[in-house]
Amino acid sequence: MSAQGSAGLHQFGRPRGRVGWLVGHLMALKNDAMNRAALDHLDLQAGDRVLEIGYGPGRTLKQAARRLERGLAAGLDHSEVMARQAARRCRRLIRQGRVEVKCGGVSEIPYADESFDKAYAVNCFQFWPSPVNDLREVRRVLRPGGRLVLTIRAAERPLRFDLARASGGLSRVERARQAMAAAGFEDIAVHRRKAGRLLAVSVVGRRSGGDA
């Protein structure tokens, strides 16, 4: 891969500067089908507290809040550019106490044990530094029985033009499934949904009642 191509992928993993700001707007437009798949598999209830890891421009965080009547949609992202963009997009919901935006990484989630009913991440699992340990950290902040959804872009066959790296998506899905099991999640299932010419694949697991 060229240096320019590698730099572009890093921007999707952690948007920075002016280019990162544009990448955020691009993600808001391109990820709509993926975001809907993740939210549908969460099965949000009116009073749920839900955490989005890697909220990017904040569009899915806003959609999650609108599905809740009296719960909370909280978000964590390690990009300061995305934190500013999401805060701007969700400013009214933040003032109402229905959305919370924090800047930080999945390896050290700044919330207490058992803070959330549900958690999800869209198109960012491949960037997590230590998948099993990071999933254990997500498990820590979920309540017993809490649901986790990891939604990953994939393709059924190799693509000629694959800027989104969807051709390797199914292998990432399997790695996510194995990592979730190793981190102590149960009842793990994989759901596929068409997303244009690609697939939105959601790996769904449940936190058990005891310690891993």
N, C-alpha and C. Protein backbone atom coordinates (compact mmCIF):
# COMPACT_ATOMS: atom_id res chain seq x y z
N MET A 1 0.84 -1.20 0.00
CA MET A 1 0.00 0.00 0.00
C MET A 1 0.88 1.24 0.00
N SER A 2 0.49 2.26 -0.77
CA SER A 2 1.27 3.48 -0.84
C SER A 2 1.19 4.24 0.47
N ALA A 3 2.15 5.18 0.66
CA ALA A 3 2.14 6.00 1.87
C ALA A 3 0.88 6.84 1.93
N GLN A 4 0.42 7.34 0.75
CA GLN A 4 -0.80 8.14 0.73
C GLN A 4 -2.01 7.31 1.12
N GLY A 5 -2.07 6.06 0.61
CA GLY A 5 -3.18 5.19 0.95
C GLY A 5 -3.21 4.87 2.42
N SER A 6 -2.02 4.61 2.98
CA SER A 6 -1.94 4.31 4.41
C SER A 6 -2.38 5.51 5.25
N ALA A 7 -1.96 6.70 4.82
CA ALA A 7 -2.35 7.91 5.55
C ALA A 7 -3.85 8.11 5.51
N GLY A 8 -4.47 7.78 4.36
CA GLY A 8 -5.92 7.91 4.25
C GLY A 8 -6.64 6.98 5.20
N LEU A 9 -6.15 5.76 5.33
CA LEU A 9 -6.77 4.81 6.26
C LEU A 9 -6.63 5.28 7.70
N HIS A 10 -5.48 5.87 8.03
CA HIS A 10 -5.29 6.39 9.38
C HIS A 10 -6.30 7.50 9.68
N GLN A 11 -6.65 8.28 8.66
CA GLN A 11 -7.64 9.33 8.87
C GLN A 11 -9.00 8.74 9.21
N PHE A 12 -9.34 7.60 8.63
CA PHE A 12 -10.61 6.97 8.98
C PHE A 12 -10.54 6.36 10.38
N GLY A 13 -9.35 5.93 10.79
CA GLY A 13 -9.20 5.37 12.13
C GLY A 13 -9.17 6.45 13.20
N ARG A 14 -8.54 7.59 12.88
CA ARG A 14 -8.46 8.69 13.84
C ARG A 14 -8.35 10.01 13.09
N PRO A 15 -9.48 10.57 12.66
CA PRO A 15 -9.45 11.80 11.86
C PRO A 15 -8.75 12.94 12.58
N ARG A 16 -7.92 13.67 11.82
CA ARG A 16 -7.19 14.80 12.38
C ARG A 16 -7.17 15.95 11.39
N GLY A 17 -7.13 17.17 11.93
CA GLY A 17 -6.95 18.36 11.12
C GLY A 17 -8.08 18.59 10.13
N ARG A 18 -7.79 19.39 9.11
CA ARG A 18 -8.80 19.74 8.12
C ARG A 18 -9.25 18.52 7.32
N VAL A 19 -8.29 17.65 6.97
CA VAL A 19 -8.66 16.43 6.24
C VAL A 19 -9.57 15.56 7.09
N GLY A 20 -9.26 15.45 8.37
CA GLY A 20 -10.10 14.67 9.28
C GLY A 20 -11.51 15.21 9.37
N TRP A 21 -11.63 16.54 9.36
CA TRP A 21 -12.96 17.17 9.41
C TRP A 21 -13.78 16.76 8.18
N LEU A 22 -13.13 16.74 7.01
CA LEU A 22 -13.82 16.32 5.78
C LEU A 22 -14.14 14.82 5.82
N VAL A 23 -13.23 14.03 6.37
CA VAL A 23 -13.46 12.59 6.51
C VAL A 23 -14.70 12.34 7.37
N GLY A 24 -14.87 13.13 8.42
CA GLY A 24 -16.05 12.98 9.27
C GLY A 24 -17.33 13.18 8.50
N HIS A 25 -17.39 14.22 7.67
CA HIS A 25 -18.58 14.48 6.88
C HIS A 25 -18.81 13.35 5.87
N LEU A 26 -17.71 12.82 5.30
CA LEU A 26 -17.83 11.70 4.37
C LEU A 26 -18.41 10.47 5.07
N MET A 27 -17.94 10.18 6.27
CA MET A 27 -18.46 9.04 7.02
C MET A 27 -19.93 9.21 7.33
N ALA A 28 -20.33 10.43 7.65
CA ALA A 28 -21.74 10.68 7.96
C ALA A 28 -22.63 10.34 6.78
N LEU A 29 -22.14 10.57 5.57
CA LEU A 29 -22.93 10.30 4.37
C LEU A 29 -22.87 8.83 3.95
N LYS A 30 -21.70 8.21 4.07
CA LYS A 30 -21.48 6.88 3.51
C LYS A 30 -21.90 5.73 4.43
N ASN A 31 -21.99 5.97 5.73
CA ASN A 31 -22.20 4.87 6.67
C ASN A 31 -23.64 4.69 7.11
N ASP A 32 -24.57 5.33 6.42
CA ASP A 32 -25.95 5.33 6.91
C ASP A 32 -26.53 3.92 7.04
N ALA A 33 -26.35 3.07 6.03
CA ALA A 33 -26.89 1.72 6.08
C ALA A 33 -26.24 0.90 7.19
N MET A 34 -24.94 1.09 7.39
CA MET A 34 -24.23 0.39 8.46
C MET A 34 -24.76 0.83 9.82
N ASN A 35 -24.96 2.12 9.97
CA ASN A 35 -25.45 2.66 11.24
C ASN A 35 -26.84 2.14 11.58
N ARG A 36 -27.72 2.10 10.58
CA ARG A 36 -29.08 1.59 10.81
C ARG A 36 -29.05 0.13 11.22
N ALA A 37 -28.17 -0.64 10.61
CA ALA A 37 -28.06 -2.06 10.97
C ALA A 37 -27.66 -2.22 12.43
N ALA A 38 -26.68 -1.44 12.87
CA ALA A 38 -26.22 -1.52 14.25
C ALA A 38 -27.34 -1.16 15.22
N LEU A 39 -28.04 -0.07 14.95
CA LEU A 39 -29.11 0.37 15.84
C LEU A 39 -30.26 -0.64 15.88
N ASP A 40 -30.58 -1.22 14.74
CA ASP A 40 -31.67 -2.20 14.71
C ASP A 40 -31.32 -3.42 15.56
N HIS A 41 -30.08 -3.87 15.50
CA HIS A 41 -29.68 -5.05 16.27
C HIS A 41 -29.52 -4.74 17.76
N LEU A 42 -29.40 -3.47 18.11
CA LEU A 42 -29.36 -3.11 19.53
C LEU A 42 -30.72 -3.30 20.20
N ASP A 43 -31.79 -3.15 19.42
CA ASP A 43 -33.15 -3.26 19.97
C ASP A 43 -33.32 -2.31 21.16
N LEU A 44 -33.10 -1.03 20.92
CA LEU A 44 -33.14 -0.04 21.99
C LEU A 44 -34.53 0.07 22.61
N GLN A 45 -34.55 0.18 23.93
CA GLN A 45 -35.78 0.39 24.68
C GLN A 45 -35.79 1.82 25.24
N ALA A 46 -36.96 2.29 25.63
CA ALA A 46 -37.15 3.71 25.96
C ALA A 46 -36.16 4.24 26.99
N GLY A 47 -35.86 3.46 28.03
CA GLY A 47 -35.02 3.96 29.10
C GLY A 47 -33.59 3.46 29.07
N ASP A 48 -33.15 2.89 27.96
CA ASP A 48 -31.80 2.34 27.87
C ASP A 48 -30.72 3.42 27.97
N ARG A 49 -29.62 3.02 28.57
CA ARG A 49 -28.37 3.79 28.49
C ARG A 49 -27.46 3.05 27.53
N VAL A 50 -27.08 3.71 26.44
CA VAL A 50 -26.32 3.06 25.38
C VAL A 50 -25.03 3.82 25.13
N LEU A 51 -23.96 3.07 24.84
CA LEU A 51 -22.64 3.65 24.57
C LEU A 51 -22.23 3.34 23.14
N GLU A 52 -21.87 4.39 22.38
CA GLU A 52 -21.28 4.20 21.06
C GLU A 52 -19.78 4.42 21.16
N ILE A 53 -19.02 3.45 20.69
CA ILE A 53 -17.56 3.53 20.68
C ILE A 53 -17.13 3.88 19.26
N GLY A 54 -16.46 5.02 19.12
CA GLY A 54 -16.07 5.50 17.80
C GLY A 54 -17.24 6.18 17.10
N TYR A 55 -17.79 7.24 17.72
CA TYR A 55 -19.00 7.87 17.18
C TYR A 55 -18.75 8.72 15.95
N GLY A 56 -17.48 9.00 15.63
CA GLY A 56 -17.18 9.77 14.42
C GLY A 56 -17.91 11.10 14.42
N PRO A 57 -18.61 11.42 13.33
CA PRO A 57 -19.28 12.73 13.24
C PRO A 57 -20.53 12.84 14.09
N GLY A 58 -20.95 11.78 14.78
CA GLY A 58 -22.06 11.87 15.72
C GLY A 58 -23.44 11.62 15.14
N ARG A 59 -23.50 11.22 13.89
CA ARG A 59 -24.81 11.03 13.26
C ARG A 59 -25.56 9.85 13.88
N THR A 60 -24.87 8.75 14.12
CA THR A 60 -25.55 7.58 14.70
C THR A 60 -25.90 7.83 16.16
N LEU A 61 -25.06 8.57 16.85
CA LEU A 61 -25.35 8.94 18.24
C LEU A 61 -26.66 9.72 18.31
N LYS A 62 -26.84 10.62 17.38
CA LYS A 62 -28.08 11.41 17.32
C LYS A 62 -29.28 10.52 17.01
N GLN A 63 -29.09 9.57 16.08
CA GLN A 63 -30.18 8.66 15.74
C GLN A 63 -30.55 7.76 16.93
N ALA A 64 -29.52 7.32 17.66
CA ALA A 64 -29.78 6.49 18.84
C ALA A 64 -30.60 7.25 19.87
N ALA A 65 -30.23 8.51 20.12
CA ALA A 65 -30.96 9.32 21.10
C ALA A 65 -32.41 9.49 20.71
N ARG A 66 -32.68 9.60 19.43
CA ARG A 66 -34.05 9.79 18.97
C ARG A 66 -34.89 8.52 19.13
N ARG A 67 -34.23 7.38 19.27
CA ARG A 67 -34.96 6.13 19.51
C ARG A 67 -35.24 5.92 21.01
N LEU A 68 -34.66 6.75 21.83
CA LEU A 68 -34.85 6.65 23.28
C LEU A 68 -35.80 7.74 23.76
N GLU A 69 -36.67 7.42 24.70
CA GLU A 69 -37.58 8.42 25.25
C GLU A 69 -37.01 9.07 26.50
N ARG A 70 -36.36 8.28 27.34
CA ARG A 70 -35.86 8.83 28.60
C ARG A 70 -34.49 8.26 28.97
N GLY A 71 -33.82 7.64 28.01
CA GLY A 71 -32.50 7.07 28.27
C GLY A 71 -31.39 8.04 27.93
N LEU A 72 -30.19 7.49 27.71
CA LEU A 72 -29.01 8.30 27.39
C LEU A 72 -28.22 7.63 26.29
N ALA A 73 -27.81 8.41 25.29
CA ALA A 73 -26.89 7.96 24.26
C ALA A 73 -25.55 8.63 24.52
N ALA A 74 -24.59 7.85 24.98
CA ALA A 74 -23.25 8.37 25.28
C ALA A 74 -22.29 7.91 24.20
N GLY A 75 -21.28 8.74 23.93
CA GLY A 75 -20.32 8.40 22.89
C GLY A 75 -18.89 8.60 23.33
N LEU A 76 -18.01 7.74 22.82
CA LEU A 76 -16.58 7.81 23.11
C LEU A 76 -15.81 7.71 21.80
N ASP A 77 -14.93 8.66 21.55
CA ASP A 77 -14.11 8.65 20.34
C ASP A 77 -12.76 9.29 20.66
N HIS A 78 -11.67 8.72 20.13
CA HIS A 78 -10.35 9.26 20.47
C HIS A 78 -9.90 10.38 19.56
N SER A 79 -10.76 10.82 18.64
CA SER A 79 -10.43 11.93 17.76
C SER A 79 -11.04 13.23 18.29
N GLU A 80 -10.20 14.22 18.58
CA GLU A 80 -10.71 15.51 19.04
C GLU A 80 -11.51 16.21 17.95
N VAL A 81 -11.11 15.99 16.70
CA VAL A 81 -11.85 16.57 15.57
C VAL A 81 -13.28 16.03 15.54
N MET A 82 -13.41 14.71 15.70
CA MET A 82 -14.75 14.11 15.71
C MET A 82 -15.54 14.52 16.94
N ALA A 83 -14.87 14.69 18.07
CA ALA A 83 -15.57 15.13 19.28
C ALA A 83 -16.21 16.50 19.05
N ARG A 84 -15.48 17.41 18.41
CA ARG A 84 -16.04 18.73 18.13
C ARG A 84 -17.18 18.64 17.13
N GLN A 85 -16.99 17.80 16.10
CA GLN A 85 -18.03 17.68 15.07
C GLN A 85 -19.30 17.05 15.64
N ALA A 86 -19.14 16.01 16.46
CA ALA A 86 -20.31 15.35 17.06
C ALA A 86 -21.01 16.27 18.05
N ALA A 87 -20.24 17.02 18.84
CA ALA A 87 -20.84 17.94 19.80
C ALA A 87 -21.65 19.01 19.09
N ARG A 88 -21.17 19.45 17.96
CA ARG A 88 -21.92 20.45 17.19
C ARG A 88 -23.20 19.85 16.63
N ARG A 89 -23.11 18.63 16.07
CA ARG A 89 -24.28 17.99 15.49
C ARG A 89 -25.34 17.68 16.54
N CYS A 90 -24.91 17.34 17.74
CA CYS A 90 -25.83 16.89 18.80
C CYS A 90 -26.06 17.95 19.87
N ARG A 91 -25.74 19.21 19.60
CA ARG A 91 -25.72 20.22 20.65
C ARG A 91 -27.06 20.36 21.37
N ARG A 92 -28.17 20.28 20.65
CA ARG A 92 -29.46 20.42 21.30
C ARG A 92 -29.73 19.23 22.23
N LEU A 93 -29.42 18.02 21.77
CA LEU A 93 -29.63 16.83 22.59
C LEU A 93 -28.69 16.82 23.80
N ILE A 94 -27.51 17.37 23.64
CA ILE A 94 -26.58 17.48 24.76
C ILE A 94 -27.15 18.42 25.81
N ARG A 95 -27.69 19.55 25.38
CA ARG A 95 -28.30 20.50 26.32
C ARG A 95 -29.48 19.87 27.06
N GLN A 96 -30.18 18.97 26.40
CA GLN A 96 -31.33 18.31 27.00
C GLN A 96 -30.93 17.15 27.91
N GLY A 97 -29.65 16.81 27.95
CA GLY A 97 -29.19 15.70 28.76
C GLY A 97 -29.45 14.34 28.17
N ARG A 98 -29.73 14.29 26.87
CA ARG A 98 -30.03 13.02 26.21
C ARG A 98 -28.84 12.43 25.48
N VAL A 99 -27.81 13.23 25.25
CA VAL A 99 -26.57 12.79 24.60
C VAL A 99 -25.39 13.28 25.41
N GLU A 100 -24.36 12.45 25.49
CA GLU A 100 -23.11 12.81 26.15
C GLU A 100 -21.96 12.41 25.24
N VAL A 101 -21.04 13.34 25.02
CA VAL A 101 -19.91 13.11 24.13
C VAL A 101 -18.61 13.22 24.91
N LYS A 102 -17.78 12.17 24.83
CA LYS A 102 -16.48 12.20 25.48
C LYS A 102 -15.39 11.84 24.49
N CYS A 103 -14.19 12.35 24.75
CA CYS A 103 -13.02 12.04 23.92
C CYS A 103 -12.14 11.06 24.70
N GLY A 104 -11.87 9.91 24.11
CA GLY A 104 -11.07 8.91 24.78
C GLY A 104 -11.06 7.62 23.98
N GLY A 105 -10.30 6.63 24.45
CA GLY A 105 -10.15 5.38 23.72
C GLY A 105 -10.86 4.22 24.38
N VAL A 106 -11.09 3.17 23.60
CA VAL A 106 -11.81 2.00 24.08
C VAL A 106 -11.03 1.22 25.13
N SER A 107 -9.71 1.38 25.17
CA SER A 107 -8.90 0.62 26.13
C SER A 107 -9.10 1.10 27.56
N GLU A 108 -9.54 2.34 27.74
CA GLU A 108 -9.81 2.89 29.07
C GLU A 108 -11.09 3.72 28.99
N ILE A 109 -12.21 3.06 29.12
CA ILE A 109 -13.50 3.73 28.99
C ILE A 109 -13.79 4.52 30.27
N PRO A 110 -14.03 5.82 30.17
CA PRO A 110 -14.18 6.67 31.36
C PRO A 110 -15.58 6.61 31.98
N TYR A 111 -16.05 5.41 32.24
CA TYR A 111 -17.33 5.20 32.91
C TYR A 111 -17.18 4.09 33.95
N ALA A 112 -18.04 4.14 34.95
CA ALA A 112 -18.01 3.15 36.02
C ALA A 112 -18.51 1.79 35.54
N ASP A 113 -18.23 0.76 36.30
CA ASP A 113 -18.73 -0.58 36.02
C ASP A 113 -20.25 -0.56 35.86
N GLU A 114 -20.73 -1.35 34.90
CA GLU A 114 -22.17 -1.57 34.72
C GLU A 114 -22.95 -0.27 34.51
N SER A 115 -22.37 0.63 33.71
CA SER A 115 -23.02 1.92 33.45
C SER A 115 -24.06 1.86 32.33
N PHE A 116 -23.98 0.84 31.46
CA PHE A 116 -24.80 0.84 30.25
C PHE A 116 -25.56 -0.46 30.06
N ASP A 117 -26.71 -0.33 29.41
CA ASP A 117 -27.50 -1.50 29.03
C ASP A 117 -27.00 -2.09 27.72
N LYS A 118 -26.49 -1.23 26.85
CA LYS A 118 -26.09 -1.68 25.52
C LYS A 118 -24.90 -0.85 25.03
N ALA A 119 -24.13 -1.44 24.09
CA ALA A 119 -23.00 -0.73 23.50
C ALA A 119 -22.86 -1.18 22.05
N TYR A 120 -22.28 -0.31 21.23
CA TYR A 120 -22.10 -0.67 19.82
C TYR A 120 -20.93 0.09 19.23
N ALA A 121 -20.41 -0.45 18.13
CA ALA A 121 -19.34 0.20 17.37
C ALA A 121 -19.55 -0.13 15.90
N VAL A 122 -19.39 0.86 15.04
CA VAL A 122 -19.60 0.69 13.60
C VAL A 122 -18.31 1.01 12.86
N ASN A 123 -17.82 0.03 12.12
CA ASN A 123 -16.66 0.23 11.23
C ASN A 123 -15.41 0.73 11.96
N CYS A 124 -15.21 0.33 13.20
CA CYS A 124 -13.99 0.78 13.87
C CYS A 124 -13.29 -0.34 14.64
N PHE A 125 -13.90 -1.53 14.72
CA PHE A 125 -13.28 -2.62 15.46
C PHE A 125 -11.87 -2.92 14.97
N GLN A 126 -11.63 -2.79 13.66
CA GLN A 126 -10.31 -3.11 13.09
C GLN A 126 -9.22 -2.16 13.58
N PHE A 127 -9.61 -1.05 14.17
CA PHE A 127 -8.63 -0.09 14.66
C PHE A 127 -8.35 -0.24 16.17
N TRP A 128 -9.06 -1.13 16.84
CA TRP A 128 -8.86 -1.28 18.29
C TRP A 128 -7.49 -1.86 18.57
N PRO A 129 -6.73 -1.29 19.51
CA PRO A 129 -5.33 -1.71 19.72
C PRO A 129 -5.17 -3.11 20.30
N SER A 130 -6.09 -3.55 21.14
CA SER A 130 -5.97 -4.87 21.78
C SER A 130 -7.37 -5.47 21.87
N PRO A 131 -7.85 -6.10 20.79
CA PRO A 131 -9.27 -6.46 20.69
C PRO A 131 -9.86 -7.19 21.89
N VAL A 132 -9.21 -8.24 22.37
CA VAL A 132 -9.79 -9.00 23.47
C VAL A 132 -9.82 -8.16 24.75
N ASN A 133 -8.71 -7.52 25.07
CA ASN A 133 -8.68 -6.67 26.26
C ASN A 133 -9.65 -5.50 26.16
N ASP A 134 -9.74 -4.93 24.96
CA ASP A 134 -10.67 -3.81 24.76
C ASP A 134 -12.12 -4.27 24.92
N LEU A 135 -12.43 -5.48 24.45
CA LEU A 135 -13.77 -6.01 24.61
C LEU A 135 -14.08 -6.32 26.07
N ARG A 136 -13.07 -6.72 26.82
CA ARG A 136 -13.27 -6.91 28.26
C ARG A 136 -13.58 -5.58 28.94
N GLU A 137 -12.97 -4.51 28.45
CA GLU A 137 -13.26 -3.19 28.98
C GLU A 137 -14.70 -2.77 28.65
N VAL A 138 -15.14 -3.08 27.44
CA VAL A 138 -16.53 -2.81 27.08
C VAL A 138 -17.46 -3.63 27.97
N ARG A 139 -17.10 -4.88 28.18
CA ARG A 139 -17.91 -5.76 29.02
C ARG A 139 -18.02 -5.21 30.45
N ARG A 140 -16.95 -4.60 30.92
CA ARG A 140 -16.95 -4.04 32.28
C ARG A 140 -18.03 -2.99 32.46
N VAL A 141 -18.24 -2.15 31.44
CA VAL A 141 -19.19 -1.05 31.59
C VAL A 141 -20.61 -1.46 31.22
N LEU A 142 -20.79 -2.70 30.79
CA LEU A 142 -22.13 -3.20 30.50
C LEU A 142 -22.74 -3.87 31.73
N ARG A 143 -24.03 -3.71 31.89
CA ARG A 143 -24.73 -4.41 32.96
C ARG A 143 -24.91 -5.88 32.61
N PRO A 144 -25.07 -6.76 33.60
CA PRO A 144 -25.33 -8.17 33.31
C PRO A 144 -26.50 -8.32 32.34
N GLY A 145 -26.29 -9.10 31.29
CA GLY A 145 -27.30 -9.25 30.26
C GLY A 145 -27.23 -8.19 29.18
N GLY A 146 -26.31 -7.23 29.33
CA GLY A 146 -26.19 -6.14 28.36
C GLY A 146 -25.75 -6.63 27.00
N ARG A 147 -26.17 -5.93 25.97
CA ARG A 147 -25.91 -6.35 24.59
C ARG A 147 -24.81 -5.50 23.96
N LEU A 148 -23.96 -6.16 23.17
CA LEU A 148 -22.93 -5.48 22.40
C LEU A 148 -23.12 -5.82 20.92
N VAL A 149 -23.04 -4.79 20.07
CA VAL A 149 -23.14 -4.96 18.62
C VAL A 149 -21.90 -4.36 17.96
N LEU A 150 -21.18 -5.18 17.22
CA LEU A 150 -20.06 -4.71 16.40
C LEU A 150 -20.47 -4.86 14.94
N THR A 151 -20.63 -3.76 14.23
CA THR A 151 -21.06 -3.82 12.83
C THR A 151 -19.86 -3.51 11.93
N ILE A 152 -19.66 -4.39 10.96
CA ILE A 152 -18.44 -4.37 10.14
C ILE A 152 -18.83 -4.40 8.66
N ARG A 153 -18.19 -3.55 7.87
CA ARG A 153 -18.44 -3.53 6.43
C ARG A 153 -17.71 -4.70 5.78
N ALA A 154 -18.40 -5.41 4.89
CA ALA A 154 -17.78 -6.57 4.24
C ALA A 154 -18.30 -6.70 2.81
N ALA A 155 -17.62 -7.54 2.04
CA ALA A 155 -18.03 -7.84 0.67
C ALA A 155 -18.06 -9.36 0.50
N GLU A 156 -18.99 -9.83 -0.31
CA GLU A 156 -19.11 -11.27 -0.53
C GLU A 156 -18.03 -11.81 -1.45
N ARG A 157 -17.44 -10.92 -2.26
CA ARG A 157 -16.38 -11.34 -3.19
C ARG A 157 -15.37 -10.19 -3.32
N PRO A 158 -14.15 -10.47 -3.76
CA PRO A 158 -13.15 -9.41 -3.91
C PRO A 158 -13.63 -8.29 -4.82
N LEU A 159 -13.29 -7.06 -4.47
CA LEU A 159 -13.70 -5.90 -5.24
C LEU A 159 -12.50 -5.30 -5.97
N ARG A 160 -12.76 -4.78 -7.16
CA ARG A 160 -11.68 -4.16 -7.93
C ARG A 160 -11.25 -2.85 -7.28
N PHE A 161 -12.22 -2.05 -6.89
CA PHE A 161 -11.94 -0.81 -6.19
C PHE A 161 -12.48 -0.94 -4.77
N ASP A 162 -11.60 -0.93 -3.81
CA ASP A 162 -12.00 -1.28 -2.44
C ASP A 162 -11.37 -0.31 -1.44
N LEU A 163 -11.73 0.96 -1.56
CA LEU A 163 -11.18 1.97 -0.66
C LEU A 163 -11.59 1.71 0.79
N ALA A 164 -12.76 1.09 0.97
CA ALA A 164 -13.25 0.82 2.32
C ALA A 164 -12.71 -0.49 2.89
N ARG A 165 -11.89 -1.19 2.13
CA ARG A 165 -11.30 -2.47 2.56
C ARG A 165 -12.37 -3.49 2.94
N ALA A 166 -13.48 -3.47 2.20
CA ALA A 166 -14.57 -4.39 2.49
C ALA A 166 -14.22 -5.84 2.16
N SER A 167 -13.28 -6.04 1.23
CA SER A 167 -12.92 -7.40 0.84
C SER A 167 -12.40 -8.22 2.00
N GLY A 168 -11.79 -7.58 2.98
CA GLY A 168 -11.30 -8.29 4.16
C GLY A 168 -12.29 -8.29 5.32
N GLY A 169 -13.51 -7.82 5.03
CA GLY A 169 -14.48 -7.66 6.10
C GLY A 169 -14.91 -8.96 6.76
N LEU A 170 -15.09 -10.02 5.97
CA LEU A 170 -15.57 -11.27 6.55
C LEU A 170 -14.54 -11.89 7.49
N SER A 171 -13.26 -11.70 7.17
CA SER A 171 -12.24 -12.19 8.09
C SER A 171 -12.23 -11.36 9.38
N ARG A 172 -12.51 -10.05 9.29
CA ARG A 172 -12.62 -9.22 10.49
C ARG A 172 -13.83 -9.63 11.32
N VAL A 173 -14.91 -10.02 10.64
CA VAL A 173 -16.09 -10.51 11.36
C VAL A 173 -15.74 -11.73 12.20
N GLU A 174 -15.00 -12.66 11.62
CA GLU A 174 -14.64 -13.86 12.37
C GLU A 174 -13.70 -13.53 13.52
N ARG A 175 -12.78 -12.60 13.30
CA ARG A 175 -11.90 -12.20 14.40
C ARG A 175 -12.71 -11.54 15.52
N ALA A 176 -13.70 -10.75 15.14
CA ALA A 176 -14.55 -10.10 16.14
C ALA A 176 -15.33 -11.14 16.92
N ARG A 177 -15.86 -12.14 16.24
CA ARG A 177 -16.63 -13.19 16.91
C ARG A 177 -15.76 -13.94 17.92
N GLN A 178 -14.56 -14.30 17.49
CA GLN A 178 -13.65 -15.03 18.37
C GLN A 178 -13.22 -14.17 19.57
N ALA A 179 -12.95 -12.89 19.30
CA ALA A 179 -12.51 -11.99 20.38
C ALA A 179 -13.63 -11.78 21.39
N MET A 180 -14.87 -11.66 20.92
CA MET A 180 -15.99 -11.49 21.84
C MET A 180 -16.13 -12.71 22.75
N ALA A 181 -15.97 -13.89 22.18
CA ALA A 181 -16.05 -15.11 23.00
C ALA A 181 -14.93 -15.14 24.02
N ALA A 182 -13.72 -14.78 23.60
CA ALA A 182 -12.57 -14.78 24.51
C ALA A 182 -12.73 -13.75 25.62
N ALA A 183 -13.46 -12.67 25.35
CA ALA A 183 -13.66 -11.61 26.34
C ALA A 183 -14.81 -11.90 27.29
N GLY A 184 -15.50 -13.02 27.10
CA GLY A 184 -16.54 -13.39 28.05
C GLY A 184 -17.96 -13.10 27.63
N PHE A 185 -18.17 -12.78 26.35
CA PHE A 185 -19.54 -12.57 25.88
C PHE A 185 -20.18 -13.91 25.51
N GLU A 186 -21.49 -13.97 25.61
CA GLU A 186 -22.24 -15.20 25.34
C GLU A 186 -23.29 -14.96 24.27
N ASP A 187 -23.91 -16.07 23.83
CA ASP A 187 -25.00 -16.01 22.84
C ASP A 187 -24.60 -15.18 21.63
N ILE A 188 -23.39 -15.38 21.14
CA ILE A 188 -22.87 -14.58 20.03
C ILE A 188 -23.50 -15.04 18.71
N ALA A 189 -23.99 -14.09 17.95
CA ALA A 189 -24.62 -14.39 16.66
C ALA A 189 -24.12 -13.39 15.62
N VAL A 190 -24.11 -13.82 14.37
CA VAL A 190 -23.67 -12.98 13.26
C VAL A 190 -24.84 -12.77 12.31
N HIS A 191 -25.13 -11.50 12.00
CA HIS A 191 -26.26 -11.15 11.14
C HIS A 191 -25.75 -10.36 9.94
N ARG A 192 -26.17 -10.77 8.75
CA ARG A 192 -25.79 -10.08 7.52
C ARG A 192 -26.97 -9.28 6.98
N ARG A 193 -26.65 -8.10 6.45
CA ARG A 193 -27.67 -7.27 5.81
C ARG A 193 -27.05 -6.59 4.60
N LYS A 194 -27.78 -6.55 3.51
CA LYS A 194 -27.30 -5.84 2.33
C LYS A 194 -27.19 -4.35 2.61
N ALA A 195 -26.07 -3.76 2.18
CA ALA A 195 -25.86 -2.32 2.30
C ALA A 195 -25.36 -1.83 0.95
N GLY A 196 -26.29 -1.66 0.02
CA GLY A 196 -25.89 -1.35 -1.36
C GLY A 196 -25.22 -2.56 -1.98
N ARG A 197 -24.02 -2.37 -2.51
CA ARG A 197 -23.27 -3.49 -3.10
C ARG A 197 -22.48 -4.27 -2.06
N LEU A 198 -22.48 -3.78 -0.83
CA LEU A 198 -21.70 -4.40 0.23
C LEU A 198 -22.63 -5.04 1.26
N LEU A 199 -22.02 -5.53 2.33
CA LEU A 199 -22.76 -6.13 3.44
C LEU A 199 -22.50 -5.35 4.71
N ALA A 200 -23.53 -5.19 5.51
CA ALA A 200 -23.37 -4.72 6.88
C ALA A 200 -23.50 -5.95 7.76
N VAL A 201 -22.40 -6.39 8.34
CA VAL A 201 -22.41 -7.61 9.15
C VAL A 201 -22.29 -7.22 10.62
N SER A 202 -23.27 -7.64 11.41
CA SER A 202 -23.29 -7.30 12.83
C SER A 202 -23.01 -8.54 13.67
N VAL A 203 -22.01 -8.43 14.53
CA VAL A 203 -21.70 -9.48 15.48
C VAL A 203 -22.32 -9.05 16.81
N VAL A 204 -23.26 -9.85 17.30
CA VAL A 204 -24.04 -9.47 18.47
C VAL A 204 -23.76 -10.45 19.60
N GLY A 205 -23.44 -9.92 20.78
CA GLY A 205 -23.18 -10.75 21.95
C GLY A 205 -23.82 -10.19 23.19
N ARG A 206 -23.89 -11.02 24.23
CA ARG A 206 -24.51 -10.62 25.49
C ARG A 206 -23.54 -10.80 26.64
N ARG A 207 -23.48 -9.82 27.52
CA ARG A 207 -22.67 -9.96 28.71
C ARG A 207 -23.34 -10.92 29.68
N SER A 208 -22.61 -11.93 30.13
CA SER A 208 -23.15 -12.87 31.10
C SER A 208 -23.26 -12.19 32.46
N GLY A 209 -23.90 -12.86 33.40
CA GLY A 209 -24.11 -12.28 34.72
C GLY A 209 -22.90 -12.28 35.60
N GLY A 210 -21.95 -13.22 35.39
CA GLY A 210 -20.77 -13.31 36.25
C GLY A 210 -19.55 -12.69 35.63
N ASP A 211 -18.42 -12.78 36.33
CA ASP A 211 -17.17 -12.25 35.83
C ASP A 211 -16.62 -13.20 34.76
N ALA A 212 -15.84 -12.61 33.80
CA ALA A 212 -15.22 -13.42 32.76
C ALA A 212 -14.08 -14.22 33.34
